[in-house]
Amino acid sequence: MAYLVEFAVDPQDEAERQEQRLALIADHLGFSWTELARELNFSEDRINLIRAEYPNSLQDQSHALLRFWAEQEGKTTLIKRLTSINRMDIVHLIETKIMKSTRDETSHTYAEIEQTIALDHSEGKSYFKNINHLTQTTFITILLPTQFMILRFLCSS
């Protein structure tokens, strides 16, 4: 039996997480920020402009690159681009941080999960009649689209 529950994610929280991810990447890019910039199709003029704006800090240069890129593209292709310049260390770091952050934000007790179950007001019945059958074998899959977090509870009958 499968249950689907949606939780709205505050866009401001998502923006803060995005900024934290970009800062984390910028902290680790070092000199390879220019290689990533080329991989992201930044022109040499744009790369030199970033160097000129932030002449004393590789981290600031990296962060500026990522900020400009995020404004244009979004975050989905960044992992692919980091992979293509062989920066799997950063990819692994991002995935680890995201998983830890997700786990911290979404770990709920059985009682908390049960309290989030809504009633079907049209029939006055619970959408999830078998919620009391949740057991230790419950698995939680977490997907993180831009505006919503979808939790799917797969329960054994």
C-alpha atoms as a PDB file:
ATOM      1  CA  MET A   1       0.000   0.000   0.000  1.00  0.00           C
ATOM      2  CA  ALA A   2       1.431   3.444  -0.867  1.00  0.00           C
ATOM      3  CA  TYR A   3       0.645   6.773   0.739  1.00  0.00           C
ATOM      4  CA  LEU A   4       1.515  10.160  -0.720  1.00  0.00           C
ATOM      5  CA  VAL A   5       1.782  13.229   1.495  1.00  0.00           C
ATOM      6  CA  GLU A   6       2.954  16.648   0.294  1.00  0.00           C
ATOM      7  CA  PHE A   7       4.564  19.272   2.496  1.00  0.00           C
ATOM      8  CA  ALA A   8       5.022  22.826   1.238  1.00  0.00           C
ATOM      9  CA  VAL A   9       8.611  24.015   1.404  1.00  0.00           C
ATOM     10  CA  ASP A  10       9.184  27.641   2.270  1.00  0.00           C
ATOM     11  CA  PRO A  11      10.776  29.270  -0.822  1.00  0.00           C
ATOM     12  CA  GLN A  12      12.979  31.382   1.462  1.00  0.00           C
ATOM     13  CA  ASP A  13      14.324  28.235   3.140  1.00  0.00           C
ATOM     14  CA  GLU A  14      14.979  26.747  -0.304  1.00  0.00           C
ATOM     15  CA  ALA A  15      16.831  29.928  -1.342  1.00  0.00           C
ATOM     16  CA  GLU A  16      18.955  29.739   1.810  1.00  0.00           C
ATOM     17  CA  ARG A  17      19.782  26.081   1.132  1.00  0.00           C
ATOM     18  CA  GLN A  18      20.681  26.978  -2.462  1.00  0.00           C
ATOM     19  CA  GLU A  19      23.013  29.707  -1.202  1.00  0.00           C
ATOM     20  CA  GLN A  20      24.612  27.289   1.276  1.00  0.00           C
ATOM     21  CA  ARG A  21      25.201  24.731  -1.487  1.00  0.00           C
ATOM     22  CA  LEU A  22      26.800  27.370  -3.714  1.00  0.00           C
ATOM     23  CA  ALA A  23      29.026  28.541  -0.853  1.00  0.00           C
ATOM     24  CA  LEU A  24      30.054  24.949  -0.138  1.00  0.00           C
ATOM     25  CA  ILE A  25      31.024  24.425  -3.769  1.00  0.00           C
ATOM     26  CA  ALA A  26      32.843  27.773  -3.934  1.00  0.00           C
ATOM     27  CA  ASP A  27      34.859  26.836  -0.841  1.00  0.00           C
ATOM     28  CA  HIS A  28      36.211  23.737  -2.596  1.00  0.00           C
ATOM     29  CA  LEU A  29      36.630  24.779  -6.236  1.00  0.00           C
ATOM     30  CA  GLY A  30      39.931  26.621  -5.894  1.00  0.00           C
ATOM     31  CA  PHE A  31      41.756  27.167  -9.178  1.00  0.00           C
ATOM     32  CA  SER A  32      39.379  24.871 -11.044  1.00  0.00           C
ATOM     33  CA  TRP A  33      36.677  27.550 -10.998  1.00  0.00           C
ATOM     34  CA  THR A  34      37.896  28.760 -14.417  1.00  0.00           C
ATOM     35  CA  GLU A  35      37.687  25.235 -15.815  1.00  0.00           C
ATOM     36  CA  LEU A  36      34.141  24.972 -14.487  1.00  0.00           C
ATOM     37  CA  ALA A  37      33.344  28.407 -15.955  1.00  0.00           C
ATOM     38  CA  ARG A  38      34.428  27.207 -19.401  1.00  0.00           C
ATOM     39  CA  GLU A  39      32.416  24.015 -18.949  1.00  0.00           C
ATOM     40  CA  LEU A  40      29.395  26.202 -18.099  1.00  0.00           C
ATOM     41  CA  ASN A  41      30.002  28.112 -21.370  1.00  0.00           C
ATOM     42  CA  PHE A  42      31.202  31.351 -19.787  1.00  0.00           C
ATOM     43  CA  SER A  43      33.193  33.458 -22.233  1.00  0.00           C
ATOM     44  CA  GLU A  44      36.831  34.351 -21.545  1.00  0.00           C
ATOM     45  CA  ASP A  45      35.714  37.977 -21.223  1.00  0.00           C
ATOM     46  CA  ARG A  46      33.206  37.025 -18.515  1.00  0.00           C
ATOM     47  CA  ILE A  47      35.847  34.946 -16.700  1.00  0.00           C
ATOM     48  CA  ASN A  48      38.303  37.861 -16.818  1.00  0.00           C
ATOM     49  CA  LEU A  49      35.592  40.212 -15.553  1.00  0.00           C
ATOM     50  CA  ILE A  50      35.038  37.955 -12.524  1.00  0.00           C
ATOM     51  CA  ARG A  51      38.815  37.867 -11.919  1.00  0.00           C
ATOM     52  CA  ALA A  52      38.953  41.677 -12.097  1.00  0.00           C
ATOM     53  CA  GLU A  53      35.989  42.119  -9.746  1.00  0.00           C
ATOM     54  CA  TYR A  54      37.446  39.739  -7.131  1.00  0.00           C
ATOM     55  CA  PRO A  55      41.234  39.872  -7.623  1.00  0.00           C
ATOM     56  CA  ASN A  56      42.256  38.694  -4.147  1.00  0.00           C
ATOM     57  CA  SER A  57      40.062  35.677  -3.482  1.00  0.00           C
ATOM     58  CA  LEU A  58      39.586  32.423  -5.373  1.00  0.00           C
ATOM     59  CA  GLN A  59      36.612  31.712  -3.138  1.00  0.00           C
ATOM     60  CA  ASP A  60      34.950  35.015  -4.089  1.00  0.00           C
ATOM     61  CA  GLN A  61      35.673  34.342  -7.768  1.00  0.00           C
ATOM     62  CA  SER A  62      34.169  30.865  -7.454  1.00  0.00           C
ATOM     63  CA  HIS A  63      31.143  32.181  -5.616  1.00  0.00           C
ATOM     64  CA  ALA A  64      30.567  34.939  -8.196  1.00  0.00           C
ATOM     65  CA  LEU A  65      30.745  32.375 -11.003  1.00  0.00           C
ATOM     66  CA  LEU A  66      28.220  30.123  -9.279  1.00  0.00           C
ATOM     67  CA  ARG A  67      25.902  33.021  -8.462  1.00  0.00           C
ATOM     68  CA  PHE A  68      25.907  34.256 -12.090  1.00  0.00           C
ATOM     69  CA  TRP A  69      25.389  30.746 -13.352  1.00  0.00           C
ATOM     70  CA  ALA A  70      22.534  29.980 -10.894  1.00  0.00           C
ATOM     71  CA  GLU A  71      20.728  33.130 -12.031  1.00  0.00           C
ATOM     72  CA  GLN A  72      20.874  31.891 -15.626  1.00  0.00           C
ATOM     73  CA  GLU A  73      20.595  28.123 -15.426  1.00  0.00           C
ATOM     74  CA  GLY A  74      19.570  26.739 -12.080  1.00  0.00           C
ATOM     75  CA  LYS A  75      21.202  23.966 -10.092  1.00  0.00           C
ATOM     76  CA  THR A  76      20.322  20.786 -11.949  1.00  0.00           C
ATOM     77  CA  THR A  77      23.162  20.783 -14.476  1.00  0.00           C
ATOM     78  CA  LEU A  78      25.830  21.794 -11.980  1.00  0.00           C
ATOM     79  CA  ILE A  79      26.441  18.222 -10.831  1.00  0.00           C
ATOM     80  CA  LYS A  80      26.900  17.131 -14.460  1.00  0.00           C
ATOM     81  CA  ARG A  81      29.365  19.950 -15.099  1.00  0.00           C
ATOM     82  CA  LEU A  82      31.367  19.235 -11.946  1.00  0.00           C
ATOM     83  CA  THR A  83      31.508  15.585 -12.989  1.00  0.00           C
ATOM     84  CA  SER A  84      32.766  16.512 -16.453  1.00  0.00           C
ATOM     85  CA  ILE A  85      35.735  18.403 -14.957  1.00  0.00           C
ATOM     86  CA  ASN A  86      36.473  15.454 -12.642  1.00  0.00           C
ATOM     87  CA  ARG A  87      35.495  17.187  -9.394  1.00  0.00           C
ATOM     88  CA  MET A  88      33.742  14.156  -7.943  1.00  0.00           C
ATOM     89  CA  ASP A  89      35.004  15.228  -4.514  1.00  0.00           C
ATOM     90  CA  ILE A  90      32.663  18.227  -4.656  1.00  0.00           C
ATOM     91  CA  VAL A  91      29.799  16.175  -6.126  1.00  0.00           C
ATOM     92  CA  HIS A  92      30.142  13.683  -3.269  1.00  0.00           C
ATOM     93  CA  LEU A  93      30.331  16.514  -0.724  1.00  0.00           C
ATOM     94  CA  ILE A  94      27.162  18.124  -2.106  1.00  0.00           C
ATOM     95  CA  GLU A  95      25.255  14.847  -2.137  1.00  0.00           C
ATOM     96  CA  THR A  96      26.371  14.056   1.414  1.00  0.00           C
ATOM     97  CA  LYS A  97      25.367  17.511   2.688  1.00  0.00           C
ATOM     98  CA  ILE A  98      21.996  17.389   0.910  1.00  0.00           C
ATOM     99  CA  MET A  99      21.217  13.934   2.271  1.00  0.00           C
ATOM    100  CA  LYS A 100      22.212  14.957   5.815  1.00  0.00           C
ATOM    101  CA  SER A 101      20.195  18.171   5.574  1.00  0.00           C
ATOM    102  CA  THR A 102      17.193  16.293   4.194  1.00  0.00           C
ATOM    103  CA  ARG A 103      17.445  13.624   6.878  1.00  0.00           C
ATOM    104  CA  ASP A 104      17.655  16.267   9.638  1.00  0.00           C
ATOM    105  CA  GLU A 105      14.681  18.217   8.291  1.00  0.00           C
ATOM    106  CA  THR A 106      12.441  15.260   7.560  1.00  0.00           C
ATOM    107  CA  SER A 107      13.099  12.879  10.416  1.00  0.00           C
ATOM    108  CA  HIS A 108       9.828  12.604  12.265  1.00  0.00           C
ATOM    109  CA  THR A 109       8.499  10.257  14.884  1.00  0.00           C
ATOM    110  CA  TYR A 110       5.613   7.937  14.126  1.00  0.00           C
ATOM    111  CA  ALA A 111       3.319  10.226  16.160  1.00  0.00           C
ATOM    112  CA  GLU A 112       4.381  13.303  14.162  1.00  0.00           C
ATOM    113  CA  ILE A 113       3.759  11.512  10.870  1.00  0.00           C
ATOM    114  CA  GLU A 114       0.379  10.276  12.049  1.00  0.00           C
ATOM    115  CA  GLN A 115      -0.617  13.839  13.025  1.00  0.00           C
ATOM    116  CA  THR A 116       0.048  15.064   9.471  1.00  0.00           C
ATOM    117  CA  ILE A 117      -2.477  12.690   7.932  1.00  0.00           C
ATOM    118  CA  ALA A 118      -5.405  14.769   6.653  1.00  0.00           C
ATOM    119  CA  LEU A 119      -9.071  13.815   6.612  1.00  0.00           C
ATOM    120  CA  ASP A 120     -11.072  13.630   3.408  1.00  0.00           C
ATOM    121  CA  HIS A 121     -13.667  16.275   4.270  1.00  0.00           C
ATOM    122  CA  SER A 122     -15.942  15.231   1.413  1.00  0.00           C
ATOM    123  CA  GLU A 123     -16.583  11.827   3.026  1.00  0.00           C
ATOM    124  CA  GLY A 124     -15.414  12.511   6.560  1.00  0.00           C
ATOM    125  CA  LYS A 125     -13.037   9.550   6.337  1.00  0.00           C
ATOM    126  CA  SER A 126      -9.315   9.337   6.515  1.00  0.00           C
ATOM    127  CA  TYR A 127      -7.480   9.077   3.193  1.00  0.00           C
ATOM    128  CA  PHE A 128      -5.294   6.527   4.864  1.00  0.00           C
ATOM    129  CA  LYS A 129      -7.519   3.928   6.517  1.00  0.00           C
ATOM    130  CA  ASN A 130      -4.636   1.576   7.200  1.00  0.00           C
ATOM    131  CA  ILE A 131      -2.331   4.113   8.877  1.00  0.00           C
ATOM    132  CA  ASN A 132      -2.363   2.017  12.052  1.00  0.00           C
ATOM    133  CA  HIS A 133      -0.608  -0.758  10.127  1.00  0.00           C
ATOM    134  CA  LEU A 134       2.627   1.254   9.898  1.00  0.00           C
ATOM    135  CA  THR A 135       5.424  -0.930  11.190  1.00  0.00           C
ATOM    136  CA  GLN A 136       9.158  -0.909  11.578  1.00  0.00           C
ATOM    137  CA  THR A 137       9.375  -1.957   7.911  1.00  0.00           C
ATOM    138  CA  THR A 138       8.141   1.435   6.692  1.00  0.00           C
ATOM    139  CA  PHE A 139      10.423   2.981   4.071  1.00  0.00           C
ATOM    140  CA  ILE A 140      10.522   6.712   3.361  1.00  0.00           C
ATOM    141  CA  THR A 141      11.572   8.025  -0.057  1.00  0.00           C
ATOM    142  CA  ILE A 142      12.239  11.759  -0.237  1.00  0.00           C
ATOM    143  CA  LEU A 143      12.129  13.791  -3.438  1.00  0.00           C
ATOM    144  CA  LEU A 144      13.072  17.459  -3.416  1.00  0.00           C
ATOM    145  CA  PRO A 145      11.535  19.424  -6.301  1.00  0.00           C
ATOM    146  CA  THR A 146      11.774  23.213  -6.226  1.00  0.00           C
ATOM    147  CA  GLN A 147       8.537  24.044  -4.433  1.00  0.00           C
ATOM    148  CA  PHE A 148       7.441  20.860  -2.687  1.00  0.00           C
ATOM    149  CA  MET A 149       8.836  17.994  -0.720  1.00  0.00           C
ATOM    150  CA  ILE A 150       7.007  14.780  -1.458  1.00  0.00           C
ATOM    151  CA  LEU A 151       7.149  11.999   1.051  1.00  0.00           C
ATOM    152  CA  ARG A 152       6.033   8.581  -0.085  1.00  0.00           C
ATOM    153  CA  PHE A 153       5.350   6.077   2.640  1.00  0.00           C
ATOM    154  CA  LEU A 154       5.566   2.502   1.432  1.00  0.00           C
ATOM    155  CA  CYS A 155       3.958   0.331   4.031  1.00  0.00           C
ATOM    156  CA  SER A 156       3.666  -3.381   4.336  1.00  0.00           C
ATOM    157  CA  SER A 157       0.077  -4.591   4.711  1.00  0.00           C
END
